[in-house]
Amino acid sequence: MEEEEETKITEKYRPTSLGGVRGNEEILICLRKFNLVDLPNMLFYGPSGTGKTTSIRALLNNKMSPINVLELNASDERGIDTVRNRIKQFAETSVEHRLVILDEADSMSKDAQGALRRIMEDYPNCRFCLICNYARKVIEPIQSRCAKFRFTPISPSQTRMCVVDILRKENVEVRDEEGLELLVESSDGDLRRLVNDIQGIKRAYGSISRENMEEFLGTVPRERIEAIYSILKDGEIGFKEAFDRIRKMEVETMAIVDEVFKRVLKSDREDRFRIIRGLGDIEVGKAIECSDHVQLAVLVGLFK
């Protein structure tokens, strides 16, 4: 039920024309120049929520009748049988202009990708748009047959424009600017996540405020993060004292790492690149399940 509702609201705010798609302007310019005759095989790749699926659907709304399109989600239909049967059967049809949209193509098995490659070779009049997060997971023979378009996260300014527009349409009150900024930052340029978050916030609180956003996102209050960062930067506080004071604040180390990274990246510290590399080591420690105290000790050691 929740998945259906999430789908409903994301579809509600999905642009239906290229003019409504946010971000990745250079890609949109290229797509606007395409027509049915010169439409190439395409590989759209990049993070979730950056407009990959929306862009190809918007292009089709402008250029092509839906009857010539086969759209599949490769994560659900990733097997070699799907490629050999559904895709091959569609490619063999006599319709002049055919396009297969294969979402989450990087989840296809290598055997299925090999079969897809042969279909692309045997049926050059059938075009393909492969959509994925990671181009490297698509075999090179397929990549070489596609025009590659790398989608990047939507910029904060464009994300903010989307936020303000959707909040207005959903009648969600903005009670303070800090709450709005937290909503924009938390999306990381992923508009799908943004829309779903707005829906959740509307249900839970009915308005946007800093307090509501911190509770909804489970983020550490800004004052506490600033206090921790001040302890780390203070050259007069030694390692043990800094470690003990931060540990007593009972904040998960990875939450501190994320916030410290943002601040160090924007700083003019001469040692910022060393610290950022160290933060990366802490991320690795998380992956191999190092204890939180060990990770905190490494973090404090970067500054002391």
C-alpha atoms as a PDB file:
ATOM      1  CA  MET A   1       0.000   0.000   0.000  1.00  0.00           C
ATOM      2  CA  GLU A   2       2.777   2.432   0.941  1.00  0.00           C
ATOM      3  CA  GLU A   3       4.685   1.588  -2.259  1.00  0.00           C
ATOM      4  CA  GLU A   4       1.547   2.306  -4.310  1.00  0.00           C
ATOM      5  CA  GLU A   5       1.117   5.687  -2.606  1.00  0.00           C
ATOM      6  CA  GLU A   6       4.799   6.544  -3.148  1.00  0.00           C
ATOM      7  CA  THR A   7       4.440   5.656  -6.822  1.00  0.00           C
ATOM      8  CA  LYS A   8       1.303   7.767  -7.039  1.00  0.00           C
ATOM      9  CA  ILE A   9       2.929  10.948  -5.713  1.00  0.00           C
ATOM     10  CA  THR A  10       6.149  10.529  -7.717  1.00  0.00           C
ATOM     11  CA  GLU A  11       4.098  10.067 -10.886  1.00  0.00           C
ATOM     12  CA  LYS A  12       2.004  13.098  -9.949  1.00  0.00           C
ATOM     13  CA  TYR A  13       5.080  15.328 -10.098  1.00  0.00           C
ATOM     14  CA  ARG A  14       6.927  13.541 -12.910  1.00  0.00           C
ATOM     15  CA  PRO A  15       7.347  15.977 -15.843  1.00  0.00           C
ATOM     16  CA  THR A  16       5.647  14.872 -19.053  1.00  0.00           C
ATOM     17  CA  SER A  17       7.753  17.015 -21.389  1.00  0.00           C
ATOM     18  CA  LEU A  18      11.450  17.774 -21.674  1.00  0.00           C
ATOM     19  CA  GLY A  19      10.683  21.385 -20.817  1.00  0.00           C
ATOM     20  CA  GLY A  20       9.623  20.336 -17.328  1.00  0.00           C
ATOM     21  CA  VAL A  21      12.696  18.216 -16.545  1.00  0.00           C
ATOM     22  CA  ARG A  22      15.098  19.795 -14.035  1.00  0.00           C
ATOM     23  CA  GLY A  23      18.885  19.731 -14.298  1.00  0.00           C
ATOM     24  CA  ASN A  24      21.270  18.089 -16.797  1.00  0.00           C
ATOM     25  CA  GLU A  25      20.637  20.816 -19.353  1.00  0.00           C
ATOM     26  CA  GLU A  26      23.305  19.650 -21.814  1.00  0.00           C
ATOM     27  CA  ILE A  27      21.672  16.232 -22.043  1.00  0.00           C
ATOM     28  CA  LEU A  28      18.238  17.766 -22.541  1.00  0.00           C
ATOM     29  CA  ILE A  29      19.574  19.938 -25.362  1.00  0.00           C
ATOM     30  CA  CYS A  30      20.853  16.804 -27.126  1.00  0.00           C
ATOM     31  CA  LEU A  31      17.578  14.959 -26.630  1.00  0.00           C
ATOM     32  CA  ARG A  32      15.573  17.837 -28.093  1.00  0.00           C
ATOM     33  CA  LYS A  33      17.605  17.546 -31.304  1.00  0.00           C
ATOM     34  CA  PHE A  34      16.811  13.865 -31.794  1.00  0.00           C
ATOM     35  CA  ASN A  35      14.122  12.687 -34.169  1.00  0.00           C
ATOM     36  CA  LEU A  36      12.835   9.262 -35.138  1.00  0.00           C
ATOM     37  CA  VAL A  37      15.286   8.892 -38.002  1.00  0.00           C
ATOM     38  CA  ASP A  38      18.511   9.525 -36.105  1.00  0.00           C
ATOM     39  CA  LEU A  39      17.552   8.225 -32.650  1.00  0.00           C
ATOM     40  CA  PRO A  40      20.632   6.281 -31.458  1.00  0.00           C
ATOM     41  CA  ASN A  41      20.949   3.516 -28.921  1.00  0.00           C
ATOM     42  CA  MET A  42      21.365   5.301 -25.593  1.00  0.00           C
ATOM     43  CA  LEU A  43      22.805   4.509 -22.190  1.00  0.00           C
ATOM     44  CA  PHE A  44      21.536   6.779 -19.408  1.00  0.00           C
ATOM     45  CA  TYR A  45      23.500   6.350 -16.190  1.00  0.00           C
ATOM     46  CA  GLY A  46      23.873   8.167 -12.891  1.00  0.00           C
ATOM     47  CA  PRO A  47      22.395   8.336  -9.373  1.00  0.00           C
ATOM     48  CA  SER A  48      18.749   7.653  -8.603  1.00  0.00           C
ATOM     49  CA  GLY A  49      16.256  10.481  -8.884  1.00  0.00           C
ATOM     50  CA  THR A  50      18.229  12.526 -11.432  1.00  0.00           C
ATOM     51  CA  GLY A  51      15.729  12.299 -14.292  1.00  0.00           C
ATOM     52  CA  LYS A  52      16.943   9.352 -16.378  1.00  0.00           C
ATOM     53  CA  THR A  53      13.624   7.541 -16.792  1.00  0.00           C
ATOM     54  CA  THR A  54      11.704  10.807 -16.799  1.00  0.00           C
ATOM     55  CA  SER A  55      13.836  12.177 -19.648  1.00  0.00           C
ATOM     56  CA  ILE A  56      13.307   9.253 -22.013  1.00  0.00           C
ATOM     57  CA  ARG A  57       9.570   9.200 -21.271  1.00  0.00           C
ATOM     58  CA  ALA A  58       9.368  12.933 -21.879  1.00  0.00           C
ATOM     59  CA  LEU A  59      11.237  12.503 -25.170  1.00  0.00           C
ATOM     60  CA  LEU A  60       8.730   9.865 -26.256  1.00  0.00           C
ATOM     61  CA  ASN A  61       5.831  12.144 -25.388  1.00  0.00           C
ATOM     62  CA  ASN A  62       7.305  14.612 -27.854  1.00  0.00           C
ATOM     63  CA  LYS A  63       8.534  12.287 -30.570  1.00  0.00           C
ATOM     64  CA  MET A  64       7.017   8.816 -30.707  1.00  0.00           C
ATOM     65  CA  SER A  65       3.755   6.926 -30.343  1.00  0.00           C
ATOM     66  CA  PRO A  66       3.691   4.651 -27.276  1.00  0.00           C
ATOM     67  CA  ILE A  67       2.701   1.704 -29.483  1.00  0.00           C
ATOM     68  CA  ASN A  68       6.310   1.476 -30.675  1.00  0.00           C
ATOM     69  CA  VAL A  69       7.794   1.234 -27.188  1.00  0.00           C
ATOM     70  CA  LEU A  70       8.568  -1.740 -24.976  1.00  0.00           C
ATOM     71  CA  GLU A  71       9.430  -0.677 -21.434  1.00  0.00           C
ATOM     72  CA  LEU A  72      10.867  -3.200 -18.991  1.00  0.00           C
ATOM     73  CA  ASN A  73      12.392  -3.018 -15.543  1.00  0.00           C
ATOM     74  CA  ALA A  74      15.454  -5.224 -15.724  1.00  0.00           C
ATOM     75  CA  SER A  75      15.542  -5.769 -11.968  1.00  0.00           C
ATOM     76  CA  ASP A  76      12.221  -7.632 -12.263  1.00  0.00           C
ATOM     77  CA  GLU A  77      12.783  -9.077 -15.736  1.00  0.00           C
ATOM     78  CA  ARG A  78      16.524  -9.539 -15.838  1.00  0.00           C
ATOM     79  CA  GLY A  79      16.795 -13.136 -17.055  1.00  0.00           C
ATOM     80  CA  ILE A  80      18.023 -14.362 -20.380  1.00  0.00           C
ATOM     81  CA  ASP A  81      14.536 -15.713 -21.198  1.00  0.00           C
ATOM     82  CA  THR A  82      13.090 -12.202 -21.085  1.00  0.00           C
ATOM     83  CA  VAL A  83      15.752 -10.993 -23.499  1.00  0.00           C
ATOM     84  CA  ARG A  84      15.333 -13.928 -25.867  1.00  0.00           C
ATOM     85  CA  ASN A  85      11.554 -13.899 -25.801  1.00  0.00           C
ATOM     86  CA  ARG A  86       9.980 -10.514 -25.050  1.00  0.00           C
ATOM     87  CA  ILE A  87      12.753  -8.250 -26.354  1.00  0.00           C
ATOM     88  CA  LYS A  88      13.630 -10.383 -29.385  1.00  0.00           C
ATOM     89  CA  GLN A  89       9.960 -10.752 -30.310  1.00  0.00           C
ATOM     90  CA  PHE A  90       9.485  -6.989 -30.108  1.00  0.00           C
ATOM     91  CA  ALA A  91      12.652  -6.341 -32.130  1.00  0.00           C
ATOM     92  CA  GLU A  92      11.390  -8.654 -34.883  1.00  0.00           C
ATOM     93  CA  THR A  93       8.135  -6.746 -35.426  1.00  0.00           C
ATOM     94  CA  SER A  94       7.673  -4.959 -38.730  1.00  0.00           C
ATOM     95  CA  VAL A  95       6.922  -1.568 -37.177  1.00  0.00           C
ATOM     96  CA  GLU A  96       9.443   0.881 -38.592  1.00  0.00           C
ATOM     97  CA  HIS A  97      10.400   2.697 -35.386  1.00  0.00           C
ATOM     98  CA  ARG A  98      10.829   0.614 -32.255  1.00  0.00           C
ATOM     99  CA  LEU A  99      12.396   1.484 -28.934  1.00  0.00           C
ATOM    100  CA  VAL A 100      13.121  -0.768 -25.970  1.00  0.00           C
ATOM    101  CA  ILE A 101      13.494   1.020 -22.622  1.00  0.00           C
ATOM    102  CA  LEU A 102      15.338  -1.175 -20.157  1.00  0.00           C
ATOM    103  CA  ASP A 103      15.408   0.334 -16.668  1.00  0.00           C
ATOM    104  CA  GLU A 104      17.938  -0.836 -14.051  1.00  0.00           C
ATOM    105  CA  ALA A 105      19.938  -2.491 -16.829  1.00  0.00           C
ATOM    106  CA  ASP A 106      22.976  -2.833 -14.563  1.00  0.00           C
ATOM    107  CA  SER A 107      21.125  -5.554 -12.642  1.00  0.00           C
ATOM    108  CA  MET A 108      20.975  -7.841 -15.691  1.00  0.00           C
ATOM    109  CA  SER A 109      23.014 -11.027 -15.623  1.00  0.00           C
ATOM    110  CA  LYS A 110      26.056 -11.228 -17.895  1.00  0.00           C
ATOM    111  CA  ASP A 111      24.355 -13.954 -19.964  1.00  0.00           C
ATOM    112  CA  ALA A 112      21.308 -11.745 -20.469  1.00  0.00           C
ATOM    113  CA  GLN A 113      23.540  -8.831 -21.460  1.00  0.00           C
ATOM    114  CA  GLY A 114      25.316 -11.064 -23.966  1.00  0.00           C
ATOM    115  CA  ALA A 115      21.991 -12.067 -25.502  1.00  0.00           C
ATOM    116  CA  LEU A 116      20.930  -8.418 -25.600  1.00  0.00           C
ATOM    117  CA  ARG A 117      24.133  -7.505 -27.399  1.00  0.00           C
ATOM    118  CA  ARG A 118      23.346 -10.037 -30.152  1.00  0.00           C
ATOM    119  CA  ILE A 119      19.838  -8.639 -30.559  1.00  0.00           C
ATOM    120  CA  MET A 120      21.268  -5.126 -30.899  1.00  0.00           C
ATOM    121  CA  GLU A 121      23.567  -6.443 -33.643  1.00  0.00           C
ATOM    122  CA  ASP A 122      20.885  -8.452 -35.470  1.00  0.00           C
ATOM    123  CA  TYR A 123      18.130  -5.814 -35.388  1.00  0.00           C
ATOM    124  CA  PRO A 124      19.754  -2.430 -36.060  1.00  0.00           C
ATOM    125  CA  ASN A 125      16.378  -0.784 -36.746  1.00  0.00           C
ATOM    126  CA  CYS A 126      15.262  -1.449 -33.183  1.00  0.00           C
ATOM    127  CA  ARG A 127      16.675   1.134 -30.799  1.00  0.00           C
ATOM    128  CA  PHE A 128      17.463   0.711 -27.138  1.00  0.00           C
ATOM    129  CA  CYS A 129      17.581   3.058 -24.172  1.00  0.00           C
ATOM    130  CA  LEU A 130      19.333   1.383 -21.259  1.00  0.00           C
ATOM    131  CA  ILE A 131      19.004   3.064 -17.868  1.00  0.00           C
ATOM    132  CA  CYS A 132      21.231   2.277 -14.904  1.00  0.00           C
ATOM    133  CA  ASN A 133      23.079   3.710 -11.928  1.00  0.00           C
ATOM    134  CA  TYR A 134      26.490   2.297 -12.841  1.00  0.00           C
ATOM    135  CA  ALA A 135      27.699   2.176 -16.439  1.00  0.00           C
ATOM    136  CA  ARG A 136      30.617  -0.049 -15.447  1.00  0.00           C
ATOM    137  CA  LYS A 137      28.171  -2.885 -14.751  1.00  0.00           C
ATOM    138  CA  VAL A 138      27.067  -2.902 -18.383  1.00  0.00           C
ATOM    139  CA  ILE A 139      29.324  -4.967 -20.640  1.00  0.00           C
ATOM    140  CA  GLU A 140      31.634  -3.023 -22.940  1.00  0.00           C
ATOM    141  CA  PRO A 141      30.177  -4.379 -26.228  1.00  0.00           C
ATOM    142  CA  ILE A 142      26.804  -2.878 -25.258  1.00  0.00           C
ATOM    143  CA  GLN A 143      28.338   0.385 -24.053  1.00  0.00           C
ATOM    144  CA  SER A 144      30.200   0.788 -27.344  1.00  0.00           C
ATOM    145  CA  ARG A 145      26.911   0.566 -29.242  1.00  0.00           C
ATOM    146  CA  CYS A 146      25.287   3.359 -27.239  1.00  0.00           C
ATOM    147  CA  ALA A 147      25.496   7.114 -26.943  1.00  0.00           C
ATOM    148  CA  LYS A 148      26.301   7.521 -23.249  1.00  0.00           C
ATOM    149  CA  PHE A 149      24.649  10.224 -21.143  1.00  0.00           C
ATOM    150  CA  ARG A 150      25.807  10.715 -17.561  1.00  0.00           C
ATOM    151  CA  PHE A 151      23.115  12.221 -15.335  1.00  0.00           C
ATOM    152  CA  THR A 152      24.278  14.126 -12.267  1.00  0.00           C
ATOM    153  CA  PRO A 153      22.379  15.121  -9.096  1.00  0.00           C
ATOM    154  CA  ILE A 154      20.125  18.147  -9.404  1.00  0.00           C
ATOM    155  CA  SER A 155      21.778  21.338  -8.136  1.00  0.00           C
ATOM    156  CA  PRO A 156      20.697  22.776  -4.759  1.00  0.00           C
ATOM    157  CA  SER A 157      19.187  25.848  -6.440  1.00  0.00           C
ATOM    158  CA  GLN A 158      17.043  23.758  -8.788  1.00  0.00           C
ATOM    159  CA  THR A 159      16.152  21.374  -5.976  1.00  0.00           C
ATOM    160  CA  ARG A 160      14.979  24.333  -3.932  1.00  0.00           C
ATOM    161  CA  MET A 161      12.783  25.518  -6.800  1.00  0.00           C
ATOM    162  CA  CYS A 162      11.178  22.068  -6.952  1.00  0.00           C
ATOM    163  CA  VAL A 163      10.701  22.005  -3.177  1.00  0.00           C
ATOM    164  CA  VAL A 164       8.985  25.374  -3.053  1.00  0.00           C
ATOM    165  CA  ASP A 165       6.714  24.484  -5.980  1.00  0.00           C
ATOM    166  CA  ILE A 166       5.656  21.106  -4.557  1.00  0.00           C
ATOM    167  CA  LEU A 167       5.143  22.441  -1.024  1.00  0.00           C
ATOM    168  CA  ARG A 168       2.872  25.134  -2.434  1.00  0.00           C
ATOM    169  CA  LYS A 169       0.835  22.621  -4.434  1.00  0.00           C
ATOM    170  CA  GLU A 170       0.597  20.249  -1.455  1.00  0.00           C
ATOM    171  CA  ASN A 171      -0.372  23.087   0.924  1.00  0.00           C
ATOM    172  CA  VAL A 172       2.526  22.390   3.284  1.00  0.00           C
ATOM    173  CA  GLU A 173       3.462  25.423   5.388  1.00  0.00           C
ATOM    174  CA  VAL A 174       7.128  26.430   5.683  1.00  0.00           C
ATOM    175  CA  ARG A 175       7.586  27.663   9.252  1.00  0.00           C
ATOM    176  CA  ASP A 176      11.279  28.523   9.039  1.00  0.00           C
ATOM    177  CA  GLU A 177      14.067  28.763   6.483  1.00  0.00           C
ATOM    178  CA  GLU A 178      16.319  26.279   8.290  1.00  0.00           C
ATOM    179  CA  GLY A 179      13.763  23.511   7.888  1.00  0.00           C
ATOM    180  CA  LEU A 180      13.527  24.223   4.179  1.00  0.00           C
ATOM    181  CA  GLU A 181      17.318  24.100   3.837  1.00  0.00           C
ATOM    182  CA  LEU A 182      17.463  20.769   5.667  1.00  0.00           C
ATOM    183  CA  LEU A 183      14.902  19.334   3.258  1.00  0.00           C
ATOM    184  CA  VAL A 184      16.901  20.524   0.243  1.00  0.00           C
ATOM    185  CA  GLU A 185      20.215  19.239   1.640  1.00  0.00           C
ATOM    186  CA  SER A 186      18.827  15.852   2.633  1.00  0.00           C
ATOM    187  CA  SER A 187      17.712  15.072  -0.912  1.00  0.00           C
ATOM    188  CA  ASP A 188      21.283  15.183  -2.297  1.00  0.00           C
ATOM    189  CA  GLY A 189      19.826  16.126  -5.665  1.00  0.00           C
ATOM    190  CA  ASP A 190      17.515  13.078  -5.753  1.00  0.00           C
ATOM    191  CA  LEU A 191      14.106  14.451  -6.733  1.00  0.00           C
ATOM    192  CA  ARG A 192      12.325  11.130  -6.249  1.00  0.00           C
ATOM    193  CA  ARG A 193      13.479  10.989  -2.634  1.00  0.00           C
ATOM    194  CA  LEU A 194      12.540  14.637  -2.225  1.00  0.00           C
ATOM    195  CA  VAL A 195       8.947  14.085  -3.354  1.00  0.00           C
ATOM    196  CA  ASN A 196       8.530  11.053  -1.097  1.00  0.00           C
ATOM    197  CA  ASP A 197      10.008  12.954   1.863  1.00  0.00           C
ATOM    198  CA  ILE A 198       7.564  15.803   1.330  1.00  0.00           C
ATOM    199  CA  GLN A 199       4.709  13.312   1.385  1.00  0.00           C
ATOM    200  CA  GLY A 200       5.982  11.801   4.651  1.00  0.00           C
ATOM    201  CA  ILE A 201       6.475  15.207   6.263  1.00  0.00           C
ATOM    202  CA  LYS A 202       3.013  16.335   5.228  1.00  0.00           C
ATOM    203  CA  ARG A 203       1.462  13.288   6.869  1.00  0.00           C
ATOM    204  CA  ALA A 204       3.544  13.435  10.039  1.00  0.00           C
ATOM    205  CA  TYR A 205       3.666  17.173  10.724  1.00  0.00           C
ATOM    206  CA  GLY A 206       1.736  19.149   8.137  1.00  0.00           C
ATOM    207  CA  SER A 207       4.481  21.781   8.018  1.00  0.00           C
ATOM    208  CA  ILE A 208       8.209  22.278   7.476  1.00  0.00           C
ATOM    209  CA  SER A 209      10.372  23.468  10.352  1.00  0.00           C
ATOM    210  CA  ARG A 210      13.888  22.784  11.533  1.00  0.00           C
ATOM    211  CA  GLU A 211      12.607  20.788  14.502  1.00  0.00           C
ATOM    212  CA  ASN A 212      10.263  18.706  12.341  1.00  0.00           C
ATOM    213  CA  MET A 213      12.956  18.026   9.756  1.00  0.00           C
ATOM    214  CA  GLU A 214      15.559  16.943  12.317  1.00  0.00           C
ATOM    215  CA  GLU A 215      13.068  14.531  13.839  1.00  0.00           C
ATOM    216  CA  PHE A 216      11.853  13.231  10.473  1.00  0.00           C
ATOM    217  CA  LEU A 217      15.350  12.723   9.062  1.00  0.00           C
ATOM    218  CA  GLY A 218      16.809  11.453  12.312  1.00  0.00           C
ATOM    219  CA  THR A 219      19.612  13.996  12.033  1.00  0.00           C
ATOM    220  CA  VAL A 220      21.684  15.309  14.908  1.00  0.00           C
ATOM    221  CA  PRO A 221      20.648  18.797  16.062  1.00  0.00           C
ATOM    222  CA  ARG A 222      22.871  21.432  14.504  1.00  0.00           C
ATOM    223  CA  GLU A 223      23.950  22.864  17.872  1.00  0.00           C
ATOM    224  CA  ARG A 224      25.311  19.485  18.938  1.00  0.00           C
ATOM    225  CA  ILE A 225      27.225  19.021  15.678  1.00  0.00           C
ATOM    226  CA  GLU A 226      28.707  22.507  16.000  1.00  0.00           C
ATOM    227  CA  ALA A 227      29.780  21.718  19.569  1.00  0.00           C
ATOM    228  CA  ILE A 228      31.471  18.499  18.422  1.00  0.00           C
ATOM    229  CA  TYR A 229      33.226  20.241  15.536  1.00  0.00           C
ATOM    230  CA  SER A 230      34.455  22.976  17.882  1.00  0.00           C
ATOM    231  CA  ILE A 231      35.962  20.333  20.176  1.00  0.00           C
ATOM    232  CA  LEU A 232      37.712  18.691  17.226  1.00  0.00           C
ATOM    233  CA  LYS A 233      39.142  22.003  15.994  1.00  0.00           C
ATOM    234  CA  ASP A 234      40.238  23.276  19.403  1.00  0.00           C
ATOM    235  CA  GLY A 235      44.006  22.822  19.548  1.00  0.00           C
ATOM    236  CA  GLU A 236      44.041  23.193  23.327  1.00  0.00           C
ATOM    237  CA  ILE A 237      41.870  20.114  23.870  1.00  0.00           C
ATOM    238  CA  GLY A 238      43.869  16.886  23.844  1.00  0.00           C
ATOM    239  CA  PHE A 239      42.914  13.563  22.297  1.00  0.00           C
ATOM    240  CA  LYS A 240      41.558  11.849  25.421  1.00  0.00           C
ATOM    241  CA  GLU A 241      39.517  14.821  26.599  1.00  0.00           C
ATOM    242  CA  ALA A 242      38.062  15.345  23.124  1.00  0.00           C
ATOM    243  CA  PHE A 243      37.219  11.643  22.799  1.00  0.00           C
ATOM    244  CA  ASP A 244      35.524  11.511  26.210  1.00  0.00           C
ATOM    245  CA  ARG A 245      33.525  14.699  25.704  1.00  0.00           C
ATOM    246  CA  ILE A 246      32.251  13.667  22.278  1.00  0.00           C
ATOM    247  CA  ARG A 247      31.483  10.103  23.415  1.00  0.00           C
ATOM    248  CA  LYS A 248      29.327  11.437  26.252  1.00  0.00           C
ATOM    249  CA  MET A 249      27.184  13.303  23.718  1.00  0.00           C
ATOM    250  CA  GLU A 250      25.972   9.890  22.488  1.00  0.00           C
ATOM    251  CA  VAL A 251      25.989  10.728  18.786  1.00  0.00           C
ATOM    252  CA  GLU A 252      26.626   7.961  16.258  1.00  0.00           C
ATOM    253  CA  THR A 253      30.090   8.430  14.770  1.00  0.00           C
ATOM    254  CA  MET A 254      28.950   8.104  11.144  1.00  0.00           C
ATOM    255  CA  ALA A 255      26.473  10.950  11.673  1.00  0.00           C
ATOM    256  CA  ILE A 256      29.390  13.069  12.907  1.00  0.00           C
ATOM    257  CA  VAL A 257      31.556  11.998   9.954  1.00  0.00           C
ATOM    258  CA  ASP A 258      28.943  13.151   7.423  1.00  0.00           C
ATOM    259  CA  GLU A 259      28.685  16.585   9.019  1.00  0.00           C
ATOM    260  CA  VAL A 260      32.438  16.957   9.551  1.00  0.00           C
ATOM    261  CA  PHE A 261      33.013  16.114   5.889  1.00  0.00           C
ATOM    262  CA  LYS A 262      30.688  18.933   4.779  1.00  0.00           C
ATOM    263  CA  ARG A 263      32.451  21.440   7.015  1.00  0.00           C
ATOM    264  CA  VAL A 264      36.009  20.382   6.171  1.00  0.00           C
ATOM    265  CA  LEU A 265      35.228  20.406   2.450  1.00  0.00           C
ATOM    266  CA  LYS A 266      34.112  24.036   2.681  1.00  0.00           C
ATOM    267  CA  SER A 267      37.002  25.088   4.923  1.00  0.00           C
ATOM    268  CA  ASP A 268      40.390  26.513   3.963  1.00  0.00           C
ATOM    269  CA  ARG A 269      42.323  24.166   6.261  1.00  0.00           C
ATOM    270  CA  GLU A 270      45.687  23.235   4.789  1.00  0.00           C
ATOM    271  CA  ASP A 271      45.223  19.657   5.973  1.00  0.00           C
ATOM    272  CA  ARG A 272      41.677  19.220   4.672  1.00  0.00           C
ATOM    273  CA  PHE A 273      42.644  16.622   2.053  1.00  0.00           C
ATOM    274  CA  ARG A 274      44.400  14.517   4.695  1.00  0.00           C
ATOM    275  CA  ILE A 275      41.318  14.700   6.891  1.00  0.00           C
ATOM    276  CA  ILE A 276      38.999  13.791   4.020  1.00  0.00           C
ATOM    277  CA  ARG A 277      41.127  10.737   3.237  1.00  0.00           C
ATOM    278  CA  GLY A 278      40.890   9.784   6.901  1.00  0.00           C
ATOM    279  CA  LEU A 279      37.111  10.171   6.823  1.00  0.00           C
ATOM    280  CA  GLY A 280      37.131   7.768   3.895  1.00  0.00           C
ATOM    281  CA  ASP A 281      39.021   5.263   6.039  1.00  0.00           C
ATOM    282  CA  ILE A 282      36.291   5.560   8.663  1.00  0.00           C
ATOM    283  CA  GLU A 283      33.692   4.761   5.976  1.00  0.00           C
ATOM    284  CA  VAL A 284      35.681   1.623   5.182  1.00  0.00           C
ATOM    285  CA  GLY A 285      35.700   0.787   8.883  1.00  0.00           C
ATOM    286  CA  LYS A 286      31.925   1.033   8.903  1.00  0.00           C
ATOM    287  CA  ALA A 287      31.731  -1.423   6.001  1.00  0.00           C
ATOM    288  CA  ILE A 288      33.769  -4.004   7.921  1.00  0.00           C
ATOM    289  CA  GLU A 289      31.756  -3.338  11.093  1.00  0.00           C
ATOM    290  CA  CYS A 290      34.365  -1.678  13.291  1.00  0.00           C
ATOM    291  CA  SER A 291      32.941  -0.612  16.640  1.00  0.00           C
ATOM    292  CA  ASP A 292      31.580   2.899  16.969  1.00  0.00           C
ATOM    293  CA  HIS A 293      34.174   3.749  19.631  1.00  0.00           C
ATOM    294  CA  VAL A 294      37.039   2.715  17.341  1.00  0.00           C
ATOM    295  CA  GLN A 295      35.649   4.848  14.534  1.00  0.00           C
ATOM    296  CA  LEU A 296      35.254   7.792  16.917  1.00  0.00           C
ATOM    297  CA  ALA A 297      38.866   7.394  18.069  1.00  0.00           C
ATOM    298  CA  VAL A 298      40.047   7.490  14.445  1.00  0.00           C
ATOM    299  CA  LEU A 299      37.952  10.604  13.830  1.00  0.00           C
ATOM    300  CA  VAL A 300      39.346  12.438  16.858  1.00  0.00           C
ATOM    301  CA  GLY A 301      42.865  11.355  15.885  1.00  0.00           C
ATOM    302  CA  LEU A 302      42.526  13.133  12.540  1.00  0.00           C
ATOM    303  CA  PHE A 303      42.345  16.450  14.387  1.00  0.00           C
ATOM    304  CA  LYS A 304      44.585  15.801  17.423  1.00  0.00           C
END
